[in-house]
Each structure stands twice: as structure tokens, then as C-alpha cells.
Amino acid sequence: MDPNGKDYQILFQRDKDNKITGMTIQAKVYITGEKASEDRAATLNKEAKSIYKPQTINGIKVSFDISYEYSKDITASDLGRGENLLNFNNKVTSEDDRSHVNGSKSGNIYTTGNTGEIYSDANNGTVMHETGHLVGLADRYDDIDAGNLGRGTFIHQGYEKDLMSGRQNTSLDKSHYSYYILQYGKMPYVNKISSKFEVERNNKGFLMTPYEGGGIHRRVYE
């Protein structure tokens, strides 16, 4: 969620009857830090265009306008509306610490901020994934901690090839596009497709999502 509207902006296209015909998700991402450069920003701009492609859902075209820019001295306090900052640093990924977007949790609601960190061993796929969070998209996998049985990752049903389930993936499921229409277009025909993965629990403690059509996944063993 992006409750203060600072992470990204939405440009609406309407027809002569004021009906929404298009939505453009717009965000600028500044990259800074020891592992950032103008060359990497240029590469990220190319990759974003190949991943964040437009898609039309029930007559509404949802597009992205995501751009990356290198800045050596920029800080979070310099950011304006629709601007974000990723710090490319020398940290190394571990089991409990990895590239991320800074955020907070209140109950079952996760709120992302407009800053984050990209660790030194992360590839550009990780940057694309974290950018998804900056523009309001939820993870489509669950990290599982089963105590003595070990840890693992469970990908949500239907999202095996989705960017938000793994940094190696380069596609976005239609539910992400429908999410924007549902949230900002107030279109009732998409209410069965949601980007929210925590909706309810069944009597066995499994989390359910409408999009999965009765499929199940665990978020954590409790």
C-alpha cells in the first residue's frame, strides 16, 4: 500500500463521456550508492520497458512510465511526489537480510515507503522486483519458517512466472494491472481479481486469495 501517494502517481485517460480508458503508473527511481552508476541506470531503463509493458483489461489500458536516474548525492529528504530512492550498497545477502524496500507492518497490512536498499550481489531482476513494490505491487511468494524443519519459499498458485514471485521472472500477471483499476478506477467487474494476498483464513489456518480460485498457500507456520 502507498497511503500518502508519494511513491508513484497515476495519470488517467478518459473519453468524451469521462469514462476511464487508460491509466499510466508513473514513478521515478533515483539510484545512488557505491554500486550505482549512470550506466546501470541506463540498463535499468531498458529492462523496465521490457518488463513493465502495457496491458488492456476490459477496455482499460494500464501502462507504466518508470524511469531510473543516477544521482551521487541525493537523499530521501530530496524526494518529491512520485520519486523514490534505491541505495546500491556493498552489503551481501544473507538468510535473514536481503535487498528490500523499507516499510512497516500494522496487523496484516504492509505499507511500503519510497526508499530501499539493493545489495551488492543482487542482479537487475532484484531491482525490477523491488520497483514493483515502489509502485504498489505485493510479493507473490511466502517465506516459510518451519522451525526445526527448516526454511523455504512457497510461490503463490498461478504466479510461478511472475516478477513478484522471483527476480528471475520477467512478466507481470494480469491481476497486477487489475489491481490498479480496482483501487483507482472503481470498476466493479474486477473485484474477483486482487493483488492482495492476505484476505482470509480457512479453518485449517491457510491464507486464501480470490484470484487463486480456492487455491491455498501458507505465509508462516504458527
Protein backbone atom coordinates (compact mmCIF):
# COMPACT_ATOMS: atom_id res chain seq x y z
CA MET A 1 0.00 0.00 0.00
CA ASP A 2 1.04 3.60 -0.63
CA PRO A 3 -1.19 5.60 1.74
CA ASN A 4 0.44 9.01 1.25
CA GLY A 5 0.68 8.85 -2.53
CA LYS A 6 4.37 9.73 -2.60
CA ASP A 7 5.76 6.60 -4.26
CA TYR A 8 4.00 6.84 -7.61
CA GLN A 9 1.45 8.91 -9.48
CA ILE A 10 -1.36 7.83 -11.79
CA LEU A 11 -2.30 9.65 -14.97
CA PHE A 12 -5.84 8.95 -16.19
CA GLN A 13 -7.04 8.96 -19.78
CA ARG A 14 -10.77 9.49 -20.34
CA ASP A 15 -13.11 9.58 -23.31
CA LYS A 16 -15.62 12.32 -24.14
CA ASP A 17 -18.08 10.79 -21.67
CA ASN A 18 -15.48 10.99 -18.87
CA LYS A 19 -15.13 7.21 -18.77
CA ILE A 20 -11.64 5.96 -17.91
CA THR A 21 -9.96 4.42 -20.94
CA GLY A 22 -6.39 4.32 -19.67
CA MET A 23 -4.19 4.59 -16.61
CA THR A 24 -0.45 5.29 -16.56
CA ILE A 25 1.52 4.34 -13.43
CA GLN A 26 4.34 6.87 -13.24
CA ALA A 27 7.39 6.76 -10.97
CA LYS A 28 10.97 7.98 -10.97
CA VAL A 29 13.56 5.89 -9.18
CA TYR A 30 16.85 7.52 -8.26
CA ILE A 31 19.75 5.13 -7.74
CA THR A 32 22.70 6.04 -5.57
CA GLY A 33 25.49 4.37 -3.60
CA GLU A 34 28.77 2.63 -4.33
CA LYS A 35 27.28 0.11 -6.76
CA ALA A 36 25.16 2.60 -8.69
CA SER A 37 26.16 4.38 -11.89
CA GLU A 38 24.80 6.15 -14.95
CA ASP A 39 25.45 3.01 -16.99
CA ARG A 40 23.39 0.89 -14.63
CA ALA A 41 20.56 3.43 -14.70
CA ALA A 42 20.56 3.22 -18.49
CA THR A 43 20.40 -0.58 -18.35
CA LEU A 44 17.56 -0.48 -15.83
CA ASN A 45 15.58 1.89 -18.05
CA LYS A 46 15.81 -0.62 -20.90
CA GLU A 47 14.82 -3.56 -18.69
CA ALA A 48 11.86 -1.70 -17.19
CA LYS A 49 10.42 -1.11 -20.66
CA SER A 50 10.69 -4.82 -21.46
CA ILE A 51 9.00 -5.92 -18.22
CA TYR A 52 6.53 -3.20 -17.28
CA LYS A 53 4.56 -3.44 -20.50
CA PRO A 54 1.05 -2.05 -21.07
CA GLN A 55 -1.92 -4.38 -20.85
CA THR A 56 -5.60 -3.78 -21.53
CA ILE A 57 -8.14 -5.14 -19.05
CA ASN A 58 -11.81 -4.90 -20.05
CA GLY A 59 -11.19 -1.91 -22.26
CA ILE A 60 -8.89 0.00 -19.90
CA LYS A 61 -5.25 0.22 -20.92
CA VAL A 62 -2.88 0.16 -17.94
CA SER A 63 0.63 1.39 -18.73
CA PHE A 64 3.81 2.15 -16.81
CA ASP A 65 6.17 5.08 -17.05
CA ILE A 66 9.07 4.08 -14.81
CA SER A 67 12.43 5.80 -15.13
CA TYR A 68 15.76 5.42 -13.34
CA GLU A 69 18.31 8.17 -12.81
CA TYR A 70 21.72 8.04 -11.15
CA SER A 71 22.44 10.68 -8.52
CA LYS A 72 25.53 10.59 -6.35
CA ASP A 73 24.42 12.87 -3.54
CA ILE A 74 20.61 12.56 -3.40
CA THR A 75 18.96 11.71 -0.07
CA ALA A 76 15.45 10.72 0.95
CA SER A 77 14.68 14.29 2.04
CA ASP A 78 15.23 15.47 -1.55
CA LEU A 79 12.46 13.31 -2.97
CA GLY A 80 9.28 14.81 -4.36
CA ARG A 81 5.93 13.24 -5.14
CA GLY A 82 6.29 10.15 -7.31
CA GLU A 83 10.03 9.91 -6.63
CA ASN A 84 11.87 7.02 -4.99
CA LEU A 85 15.41 6.18 -3.93
CA LEU A 86 17.30 2.88 -4.05
CA ASN A 87 20.72 2.73 -2.38
CA PHE A 88 23.07 0.29 -4.15
CA ASN A 89 25.49 -0.67 -1.39
CA ASN A 90 28.18 -3.22 -0.50
CA LYS A 91 26.02 -5.36 1.78
CA VAL A 92 25.80 -9.07 0.99
CA THR A 93 22.60 -11.09 1.02
CA SER A 94 22.14 -13.48 3.93
CA GLU A 95 19.34 -15.78 5.05
CA ASP A 96 17.83 -13.04 7.20
CA ASP A 97 18.88 -9.91 5.35
CA ARG A 98 18.49 -9.01 1.68
CA SER A 99 17.61 -6.28 -0.78
CA HIS A 100 14.32 -4.64 0.16
CA VAL A 101 12.05 -1.64 0.11
CA ASN A 102 11.73 0.00 3.51
CA GLY A 103 8.28 -0.28 5.02
CA SER A 104 6.21 -1.12 8.06
CA LYS A 105 3.53 -3.58 9.14
CA SER A 106 0.33 -2.98 11.07
CA GLY A 107 -1.69 -6.14 11.59
CA ASN A 108 -1.99 -7.78 8.17
CA ILE A 109 -1.34 -4.55 6.24
CA TYR A 110 2.11 -3.91 4.80
CA THR A 111 2.97 -0.31 3.93
CA THR A 112 5.96 0.40 1.69
CA GLY A 113 7.95 3.60 1.73
CA ASN A 114 9.74 5.26 -1.18
CA THR A 115 13.26 4.19 -0.24
CA GLY A 116 15.09 0.87 -0.30
CA GLU A 117 18.40 -0.97 -0.49
CA ILE A 118 19.91 -3.11 -3.23
CA TYR A 119 22.71 -5.38 -2.02
CA SER A 120 25.95 -5.93 -3.91
CA ASP A 121 25.14 -9.48 -5.03
CA ALA A 122 21.67 -8.59 -6.32
CA ASN A 123 21.05 -8.54 -10.05
CA ASN A 124 18.85 -6.22 -12.07
CA GLY A 125 15.97 -8.65 -11.70
CA THR A 126 16.00 -7.83 -8.00
CA VAL A 127 15.80 -4.13 -8.86
CA MET A 128 12.79 -4.78 -11.10
CA HIS A 129 11.13 -6.76 -8.30
CA GLU A 130 11.74 -4.07 -5.69
CA THR A 131 10.49 -1.46 -8.13
CA GLY A 132 7.24 -3.42 -8.21
CA HIS A 133 6.89 -2.68 -4.50
CA LEU A 134 7.61 1.00 -5.10
CA VAL A 135 4.65 1.14 -7.49
CA GLY A 136 2.33 -0.74 -5.15
CA LEU A 137 2.64 -4.40 -6.12
CA ALA A 138 2.66 -7.15 -3.48
CA ASP A 139 5.00 -10.11 -3.18
CA ARG A 140 3.62 -13.28 -4.71
CA TYR A 141 5.61 -15.71 -2.60
CA ASP A 142 5.81 -16.57 1.09
CA ASP A 143 8.96 -17.25 3.06
CA ILE A 144 8.27 -20.25 5.24
CA ASP A 145 9.96 -20.78 8.59
CA ALA A 146 9.06 -24.21 9.93
CA GLY A 147 11.46 -24.20 12.85
CA ASN A 148 13.39 -27.47 13.05
CA LEU A 149 12.05 -28.50 9.66
CA GLY A 150 13.91 -25.64 8.03
CA ARG A 151 13.04 -22.69 5.82
CA GLY A 152 11.77 -22.42 2.29
CA THR A 153 9.83 -20.34 -0.20
CA PHE A 154 6.32 -21.04 -1.41
CA ILE A 155 5.21 -19.33 -4.63
CA HIS A 156 1.54 -18.41 -4.82
CA GLN A 157 -0.50 -20.54 -7.17
CA GLY A 158 -0.61 -19.08 -10.67
CA TYR A 159 2.37 -16.77 -10.13
CA GLU A 160 5.19 -19.18 -10.90
CA LYS A 161 6.49 -16.99 -13.74
CA ASP A 162 5.57 -13.63 -12.26
CA LEU A 163 8.12 -10.93 -11.42
CA MET A 164 6.72 -10.54 -7.93
CA SER A 165 7.39 -14.19 -7.13
CA GLY A 166 11.02 -14.24 -8.23
CA ARG A 167 13.72 -11.92 -9.51
CA GLN A 168 14.46 -14.25 -12.41
CA ASN A 169 10.98 -13.74 -13.88
CA THR A 170 10.21 -11.08 -16.45
CA SER A 171 6.41 -11.00 -16.74
CA LEU A 172 3.54 -9.41 -14.81
CA ASP A 173 0.28 -11.25 -14.25
CA LYS A 174 -2.96 -9.55 -15.30
CA SER A 175 -4.05 -9.31 -11.66
CA HIS A 176 -1.44 -6.59 -11.07
CA TYR A 177 -2.99 -4.48 -13.79
CA SER A 178 -6.47 -5.17 -12.49
CA TYR A 179 -5.31 -4.11 -9.05
CA TYR A 180 -4.81 -0.54 -10.24
CA ILE A 181 -8.22 -0.47 -11.86
CA LEU A 182 -9.82 -1.88 -8.73
CA GLN A 183 -8.03 0.55 -6.43
CA TYR A 184 -8.22 3.70 -8.51
CA GLY A 185 -10.73 3.16 -11.29
CA LYS A 186 -13.60 1.96 -9.08
CA MET A 187 -14.57 -0.64 -11.68
CA PRO A 188 -16.69 -3.41 -10.07
CA TYR A 189 -16.02 -6.02 -12.75
CA VAL A 190 -12.53 -6.69 -11.44
CA ASN A 191 -13.50 -7.35 -7.83
CA LYS A 192 -12.66 -11.04 -8.20
CA ILE A 193 -9.05 -10.32 -9.13
CA SER A 194 -6.88 -8.84 -6.42
CA SER A 195 -3.22 -8.17 -5.77
CA LYS A 196 -3.80 -8.53 -2.05
CA PHE A 197 -2.62 -11.94 -0.90
CA GLU A 198 -3.89 -11.91 2.68
CA VAL A 199 -7.68 -11.94 2.56
CA GLU A 200 -8.95 -14.61 4.92
CA ARG A 201 -8.04 -17.89 6.58
CA ASN A 202 -9.91 -21.11 6.26
CA ASN A 203 -10.47 -23.46 9.20
CA LYS A 204 -7.04 -25.05 8.72
CA GLY A 205 -5.22 -21.76 9.01
CA PHE A 206 -4.41 -21.38 5.33
CA LEU A 207 -4.48 -17.97 3.73
CA MET A 208 -6.86 -17.61 0.82
CA THR A 209 -6.98 -15.20 -2.12
CA PRO A 210 -9.87 -14.65 -4.55
CA TYR A 211 -7.53 -14.70 -7.52
CA GLU A 212 -6.37 -18.21 -6.75
CA GLY A 213 -9.92 -19.51 -7.04
CA GLY A 214 -9.78 -21.67 -3.93
CA GLY A 215 -6.06 -22.40 -4.06
CA ILE A 216 -4.17 -22.30 -0.79
CA HIS A 217 -0.85 -21.10 0.49
CA ARG A 218 0.80 -20.66 3.84
CA ARG A 219 2.52 -17.48 4.88
CA VAL A 220 4.15 -18.86 8.00
CA TYR A 221 3.87 -21.88 10.28
CA GLU A 222 2.47 -20.71 13.62
